[in-house]
Amino acid sequence: MTEQTKDQLADGSYEFLSIFLEGLPFIFLGTLVSGFLGTYLPRGAFEKFLPKNRTLAILMSGFLGAIFPVCECAVVPVIRRLVKNGLPVGCALAYMLAAPIFNPVTAISTYKAFNNSHEIAISRLAMGYIIAVIIALIVSRIAHDLFLKASAKKNEDHEHQHPKNLNSALNNSLRDFMDVGLYFCIGVVLTAILKTTIIDPTDDFWKDLADNSILGGAGMMILAFVLSLCSTSDAFIAANFANFRYGPKLAFMVFGPMMDAKLIFLYSTVFKWKFIAFLFVAIFILTGALSLLFETQILPIWMTQDAEIPLAP
């Protein structure tokens, strides 16, 4: 075994442990919440809370992350349980995609990472909400059998399957943890391999992308996919790419919480692989387009002339 191979193995092991230990508490929290929701949440509870109109319900669901804050790792087992309990899939998808960005901790960390810039923090929230709602509105008009796994579909006999007690809630949590945790581990292994063998953010290739907002945005989204950072801390990484414009940085901070290397395996516990591929493409295109729009049309109106990073001409 060569020294280079040994170094790659050591780096890969370190990356695996760092991502695994960062995400595991949130996976545990998410499955714990999902187990208790599956046991104690009355059927139709969200239908009573949300508007009857499908579009209005989806619009409201996009804001639920501010009320029920979770990161991207924790939200997947929660929405899987909510869908099985009867939450409309469009609403669940809007919540799933927007919640990691609408998490108050994420909003505050973005504000602080960009030198107390409320413009960047608001832009990130707005982009995340718009993308989540657009995709949810589209999906709400598609037959669920085309993209939902059988194990994630609404369970009509839920009320009669398990007693409503602590033991049942913990058993539900354990089953969710074992199911979701397996896919999470697979995703973390893949992420560690990609980070240590393929992509090096310090390479000249990434530095050369800084002058082109379109290629820079695409590159930053790919980087966010590979790095698989937590949404509560990724803003500090984005802020350190000093040569990049605001558009690519926003793309990095919006795309990552919605779609990264570990998330695709978590999504596979709820959705079919073809739908996950559709999600990837849709989020990639919408994020790229909105990041350019915000950089060229919206942020120049908000930002002061003494902004540290130049905007696109």
Protein backbone atom coordinates (compact mmCIF):
# COMPACT_ATOMS: atom_id res chain seq x y z
CA MET A 1 0.00 0.00 0.00
CA THR A 2 1.47 3.33 -1.09
CA GLU A 3 1.75 6.36 1.16
CA GLN A 4 -0.79 8.18 -1.00
CA THR A 5 -3.31 5.37 -0.54
CA LYS A 6 -2.71 5.37 3.20
CA ASP A 7 -3.27 9.13 3.31
CA GLN A 8 -6.49 8.79 1.32
CA LEU A 9 -7.75 6.06 3.65
CA ALA A 10 -6.91 8.18 6.67
CA ASP A 11 -8.59 11.23 5.17
CA GLY A 12 -11.60 9.16 4.13
CA SER A 13 -11.96 7.71 7.62
CA TYR A 14 -11.74 11.17 9.13
CA GLU A 15 -14.35 12.54 6.73
CA PHE A 16 -16.66 9.59 7.39
CA LEU A 17 -16.46 10.07 11.15
CA SER A 18 -16.89 13.84 10.98
CA ILE A 19 -20.00 13.64 8.76
CA PHE A 20 -21.40 10.62 10.59
CA LEU A 21 -21.00 12.16 14.05
CA GLU A 22 -22.39 15.48 12.86
CA GLY A 23 -25.50 13.93 11.33
CA LEU A 24 -26.19 11.03 13.71
CA PRO A 25 -27.72 13.12 16.54
CA PHE A 26 -30.13 14.70 14.07
CA ILE A 27 -31.05 11.33 12.59
CA PHE A 28 -31.73 10.09 16.11
CA LEU A 29 -33.79 13.18 16.93
CA GLY A 30 -35.75 12.93 13.69
CA THR A 31 -36.60 9.25 14.16
CA LEU A 32 -37.50 9.87 17.80
CA VAL A 33 -39.92 12.59 16.74
CA SER A 34 -41.28 10.43 13.92
CA GLY A 35 -41.91 7.53 16.32
CA PHE A 36 -43.92 9.69 18.70
CA LEU A 37 -45.81 11.32 15.83
CA GLY A 38 -46.66 7.91 14.44
CA THR A 39 -48.04 6.80 17.79
CA TYR A 40 -49.74 9.86 19.24
CA LEU A 41 -50.56 12.15 16.30
CA PRO A 42 -54.29 11.83 15.52
CA ARG A 43 -55.15 11.04 11.91
CA GLY A 44 -56.08 14.17 10.04
CA ALA A 45 -54.45 16.52 12.56
CA PHE A 46 -52.58 18.47 9.90
CA GLU A 47 -55.61 18.56 7.62
CA LYS A 48 -57.44 20.44 10.38
CA PHE A 49 -54.56 22.87 10.81
CA LEU A 50 -53.82 23.53 7.13
CA PRO A 51 -56.22 25.32 4.71
CA LYS A 52 -58.58 23.15 2.66
CA ASN A 53 -57.32 24.70 -0.55
CA ARG A 54 -54.39 22.60 -1.82
CA THR A 55 -52.34 25.56 -3.06
CA LEU A 56 -52.78 27.55 0.14
CA ALA A 57 -51.93 24.48 2.20
CA ILE A 58 -48.64 24.05 0.30
CA LEU A 59 -47.83 27.75 0.64
CA MET A 60 -48.32 27.51 4.39
CA SER A 61 -46.35 24.25 4.64
CA GLY A 62 -43.29 26.00 3.26
CA PHE A 63 -43.19 28.11 6.43
CA LEU A 64 -43.48 25.19 8.86
CA GLY A 65 -39.70 25.00 9.24
CA ALA A 66 -39.83 28.19 11.28
CA ILE A 67 -42.35 26.56 13.65
CA PHE A 68 -40.95 23.01 13.68
CA PRO A 69 -37.22 23.61 13.05
CA VAL A 70 -35.21 20.62 11.87
CA CYS A 71 -32.12 20.10 9.74
CA GLU A 72 -32.08 18.14 6.48
CA CYS A 73 -31.11 14.86 8.17
CA ALA A 74 -33.91 14.97 10.74
CA VAL A 75 -36.71 16.08 8.43
CA VAL A 76 -36.81 12.97 6.20
CA PRO A 77 -37.98 10.44 8.83
CA VAL A 78 -40.42 13.03 10.16
CA ILE A 79 -42.13 13.67 6.82
CA ARG A 80 -42.18 9.93 6.04
CA ARG A 81 -44.19 9.35 9.20
CA LEU A 82 -46.42 12.38 8.52
CA VAL A 83 -47.24 11.13 5.01
CA LYS A 84 -48.14 7.71 6.40
CA ASN A 85 -50.40 9.49 8.89
CA GLY A 86 -52.23 11.33 6.12
CA LEU A 87 -50.36 14.60 5.50
CA PRO A 88 -50.77 15.51 1.78
CA VAL A 89 -47.57 14.72 -0.09
CA GLY A 90 -47.33 18.20 -1.60
CA CYS A 91 -47.40 19.76 1.86
CA ALA A 92 -44.87 17.25 3.18
CA LEU A 93 -42.52 17.96 0.27
CA ALA A 94 -42.75 21.74 0.76
CA TYR A 95 -41.92 21.29 4.44
CA MET A 96 -39.12 18.80 3.73
CA LEU A 97 -37.31 21.04 1.23
CA ALA A 98 -37.81 24.38 3.00
CA ALA A 99 -37.42 23.37 6.65
CA PRO A 100 -33.59 23.05 6.75
CA ILE A 101 -33.30 26.59 5.34
CA PHE A 102 -36.16 28.06 7.37
CA ASN A 103 -34.61 26.68 10.54
CA PRO A 104 -34.05 29.77 12.75
CA VAL A 105 -30.53 28.56 13.59
CA THR A 106 -29.74 28.41 9.86
CA ALA A 107 -31.07 31.93 9.33
CA ILE A 108 -29.02 33.32 12.22
CA SER A 109 -25.83 31.52 11.15
CA THR A 110 -26.24 32.91 7.60
CA TYR A 111 -26.72 36.41 8.98
CA LYS A 112 -23.58 36.13 11.11
CA ALA A 113 -21.43 34.41 8.48
CA PHE A 114 -21.97 37.26 6.02
CA ASN A 115 -21.10 40.07 8.43
CA ASN A 116 -24.63 40.66 9.71
CA SER A 117 -26.05 40.88 6.20
CA HIS A 118 -29.81 40.63 6.39
CA GLU A 119 -29.90 40.86 2.58
CA ILE A 120 -28.09 37.53 2.16
CA ALA A 121 -30.05 35.85 4.96
CA ILE A 122 -33.40 36.95 3.50
CA SER A 123 -32.31 36.00 -0.03
CA ARG A 124 -31.47 32.49 1.15
CA LEU A 125 -34.83 32.13 2.90
CA ALA A 126 -36.71 33.47 -0.12
CA MET A 127 -34.93 31.21 -2.61
CA GLY A 128 -35.46 28.13 -0.45
CA TYR A 129 -39.14 28.88 0.01
CA ILE A 130 -39.80 29.61 -3.68
CA ILE A 131 -38.08 26.42 -4.85
CA ALA A 132 -39.81 24.24 -2.25
CA VAL A 133 -43.26 25.61 -3.10
CA ILE A 134 -42.82 25.37 -6.88
CA ILE A 135 -41.71 21.74 -6.71
CA ALA A 136 -44.44 20.87 -4.19
CA LEU A 137 -47.14 22.44 -6.38
CA ILE A 138 -45.96 20.40 -9.36
CA VAL A 139 -45.75 17.15 -7.40
CA SER A 140 -49.19 17.65 -5.82
CA ARG A 141 -50.70 17.18 -9.28
CA ILE A 142 -48.93 13.87 -9.94
CA ALA A 143 -50.34 10.51 -8.91
CA HIS A 144 -48.54 9.45 -5.73
CA ASP A 145 -48.06 5.90 -6.94
CA LEU A 146 -45.60 7.23 -9.49
CA PHE A 147 -43.07 8.46 -6.95
CA LEU A 148 -43.93 7.28 -3.40
CA LYS A 149 -42.55 3.99 -2.14
CA ALA A 150 -45.15 1.52 -0.91
CA SER A 151 -43.65 1.65 2.60
CA ALA A 152 -44.22 5.42 2.74
CA LYS A 153 -47.82 5.53 1.56
CA LYS A 154 -50.71 6.50 3.78
CA ASN A 155 -51.53 3.76 6.23
CA GLU A 156 -55.31 3.48 6.46
CA ASP A 157 -55.16 1.05 9.38
CA HIS A 158 -52.71 3.11 11.42
CA GLU A 159 -55.16 3.79 14.24
CA HIS A 160 -55.66 0.07 14.90
CA GLN A 161 -52.13 -1.22 14.52
CA HIS A 162 -50.39 -0.07 17.69
CA PRO A 163 -51.48 0.98 21.17
CA LYS A 164 -50.85 4.61 22.03
CA ASN A 165 -48.23 4.21 24.72
CA LEU A 166 -44.56 4.98 25.31
CA ASN A 167 -43.38 1.48 24.44
CA SER A 168 -45.10 1.63 21.05
CA ALA A 169 -43.65 5.10 20.34
CA LEU A 170 -40.12 3.92 21.15
CA ASN A 171 -40.56 0.81 19.00
CA ASN A 172 -41.67 2.99 16.10
CA SER A 173 -38.65 5.23 16.65
CA LEU A 174 -36.30 2.25 16.68
CA ARG A 175 -37.70 0.86 13.45
CA ASP A 176 -37.38 4.26 11.77
CA PHE A 177 -33.84 4.69 13.10
CA MET A 178 -32.68 1.31 11.78
CA ASP A 179 -34.32 1.91 8.41
CA VAL A 180 -33.17 5.49 7.87
CA GLY A 181 -29.81 4.97 9.60
CA LEU A 182 -28.78 2.29 7.11
CA TYR A 183 -29.27 4.61 4.14
CA PHE A 184 -27.64 7.46 6.03
CA CYS A 185 -24.49 5.36 6.56
CA ILE A 186 -24.38 4.45 2.86
CA GLY A 187 -24.67 8.12 1.95
CA VAL A 188 -21.93 9.14 4.38
CA VAL A 189 -19.55 6.50 2.98
CA LEU A 190 -20.16 7.78 -0.55
CA THR A 191 -19.69 11.38 0.55
CA ALA A 192 -16.40 10.59 2.30
CA ILE A 193 -15.09 8.84 -0.82
CA LEU A 194 -16.05 11.73 -3.08
CA LYS A 195 -14.57 14.36 -0.78
CA THR A 196 -11.20 12.62 -0.47
CA THR A 197 -10.69 11.32 -4.02
CA ILE A 198 -12.47 13.58 -6.49
CA ILE A 199 -13.12 17.14 -5.32
CA ASP A 200 -10.64 19.49 -3.70
CA PRO A 201 -12.17 22.95 -3.04
CA THR A 202 -8.69 24.48 -2.85
CA ASP A 203 -7.80 23.35 -6.36
CA ASP A 204 -7.20 25.98 -9.06
CA PHE A 205 -10.22 24.64 -10.96
CA TRP A 206 -12.59 25.99 -8.34
CA LYS A 207 -10.77 29.29 -8.15
CA ASP A 208 -11.11 29.71 -11.93
CA LEU A 209 -14.90 29.38 -11.70
CA ALA A 210 -15.19 32.49 -9.56
CA ASP A 211 -15.31 34.88 -12.51
CA ASN A 212 -18.34 33.23 -14.13
CA SER A 213 -21.61 33.33 -12.22
CA ILE A 214 -23.27 30.60 -14.31
CA LEU A 215 -20.41 28.10 -14.16
CA GLY A 216 -19.59 29.26 -10.65
CA GLY A 217 -23.14 28.59 -9.51
CA ALA A 218 -23.15 25.13 -11.07
CA GLY A 219 -19.76 24.36 -9.55
CA MET A 220 -20.81 25.53 -6.10
CA MET A 221 -23.95 23.40 -6.24
CA ILE A 222 -21.89 20.35 -7.14
CA LEU A 223 -19.54 21.21 -4.31
CA ALA A 224 -22.46 21.51 -1.88
CA PHE A 225 -23.74 18.12 -3.06
CA VAL A 226 -20.39 16.47 -2.37
CA LEU A 227 -19.50 18.22 0.88
CA SER A 228 -22.92 17.38 2.42
CA LEU A 229 -22.64 20.04 5.10
CA CYS A 230 -25.27 20.68 7.75
CA SER A 231 -27.55 23.58 6.86
CA THR A 232 -26.86 25.23 10.21
CA SER A 233 -23.14 25.67 9.45
CA ASP A 234 -22.71 25.73 5.65
CA ALA A 235 -22.97 29.54 5.46
CA PHE A 236 -19.58 29.90 7.15
CA ILE A 237 -18.05 27.68 4.44
CA ALA A 238 -19.73 29.63 1.65
CA ALA A 239 -18.56 32.95 3.08
CA ASN A 240 -14.95 31.76 2.92
CA PHE A 241 -15.06 31.47 -0.89
CA ALA A 242 -13.92 35.07 -1.10
CA ASN A 243 -13.50 35.19 -4.89
CA PHE A 244 -17.02 33.99 -5.68
CA ARG A 245 -19.93 36.32 -6.26
CA TYR A 246 -23.10 36.26 -4.20
CA GLY A 247 -25.07 34.21 -6.74
CA PRO A 248 -22.89 31.08 -6.54
CA LYS A 249 -22.72 31.42 -2.76
CA LEU A 250 -26.50 31.50 -2.54
CA ALA A 251 -26.67 28.50 -4.86
CA PHE A 252 -24.30 26.64 -2.52
CA MET A 253 -26.40 27.46 0.56
CA VAL A 254 -29.76 26.63 -1.04
CA PHE A 255 -28.95 23.53 -3.07
CA GLY A 256 -26.97 21.72 -0.33
CA PRO A 257 -29.74 21.55 2.30
CA MET A 258 -32.18 20.27 -0.33
CA MET A 259 -29.99 17.79 -2.19
CA ASP A 260 -26.63 16.33 -1.20
CA ALA A 261 -24.84 12.99 -1.46
CA LYS A 262 -26.14 11.62 1.83
CA LEU A 263 -29.66 13.01 1.39
CA ILE A 264 -30.36 11.05 -1.78
CA PHE A 265 -30.13 7.83 0.22
CA LEU A 266 -32.36 9.24 2.95
CA TYR A 267 -34.85 10.32 0.27
CA SER A 268 -34.84 6.76 -1.05
CA THR A 269 -36.66 5.66 2.14
CA VAL A 270 -39.64 7.72 0.95
CA PHE A 271 -39.38 8.23 -2.81
CA LYS A 272 -38.58 6.11 -5.85
CA TRP A 273 -35.21 6.66 -7.50
CA LYS A 274 -36.68 8.16 -10.68
CA PHE A 275 -38.41 10.82 -8.62
CA ILE A 276 -35.17 11.56 -6.72
CA ALA A 277 -33.48 12.11 -10.09
CA PHE A 278 -36.30 14.49 -11.03
CA LEU A 279 -35.84 16.32 -7.72
CA PHE A 280 -32.12 16.70 -8.36
CA VAL A 281 -32.61 18.19 -11.82
CA ALA A 282 -35.51 20.45 -10.78
CA ILE A 283 -33.72 21.82 -7.71
CA PHE A 284 -30.48 22.29 -9.69
CA ILE A 285 -32.19 24.29 -12.45
CA LEU A 286 -34.37 26.37 -10.15
CA THR A 287 -31.51 27.16 -7.78
CA GLY A 288 -29.21 28.15 -10.62
CA ALA A 289 -31.84 30.41 -12.21
CA LEU A 290 -32.86 32.08 -8.95
CA SER A 291 -29.27 32.61 -7.82
CA LEU A 292 -28.61 34.53 -11.06
CA LEU A 293 -31.83 36.51 -10.64
CA PHE A 294 -31.00 37.49 -7.08
CA GLU A 295 -27.41 38.39 -7.96
CA THR A 296 -28.17 40.50 -11.00
CA GLN A 297 -31.59 41.99 -10.24
CA ILE A 298 -32.45 41.88 -6.55
CA LEU A 299 -29.28 42.09 -4.48
CA PRO A 300 -27.89 45.15 -6.33
CA ILE A 301 -30.92 47.06 -5.09
CA TRP A 302 -30.37 45.96 -1.49
CA MET A 303 -26.62 45.84 -1.13
CA THR A 304 -24.58 48.89 -0.22
CA GLN A 305 -21.71 50.07 -2.34
CA ASP A 306 -19.15 48.96 0.22
CA ALA A 307 -20.07 45.25 -0.15
CA GLU A 308 -17.01 43.08 0.20
CA ILE A 309 -17.71 40.79 -2.77
CA PRO A 310 -18.36 42.30 -6.22
CA LEU A 311 -21.73 41.72 -7.81
CA ALA A 312 -22.15 40.64 -11.42
CA PRO A 313 -22.02 43.58 -13.82
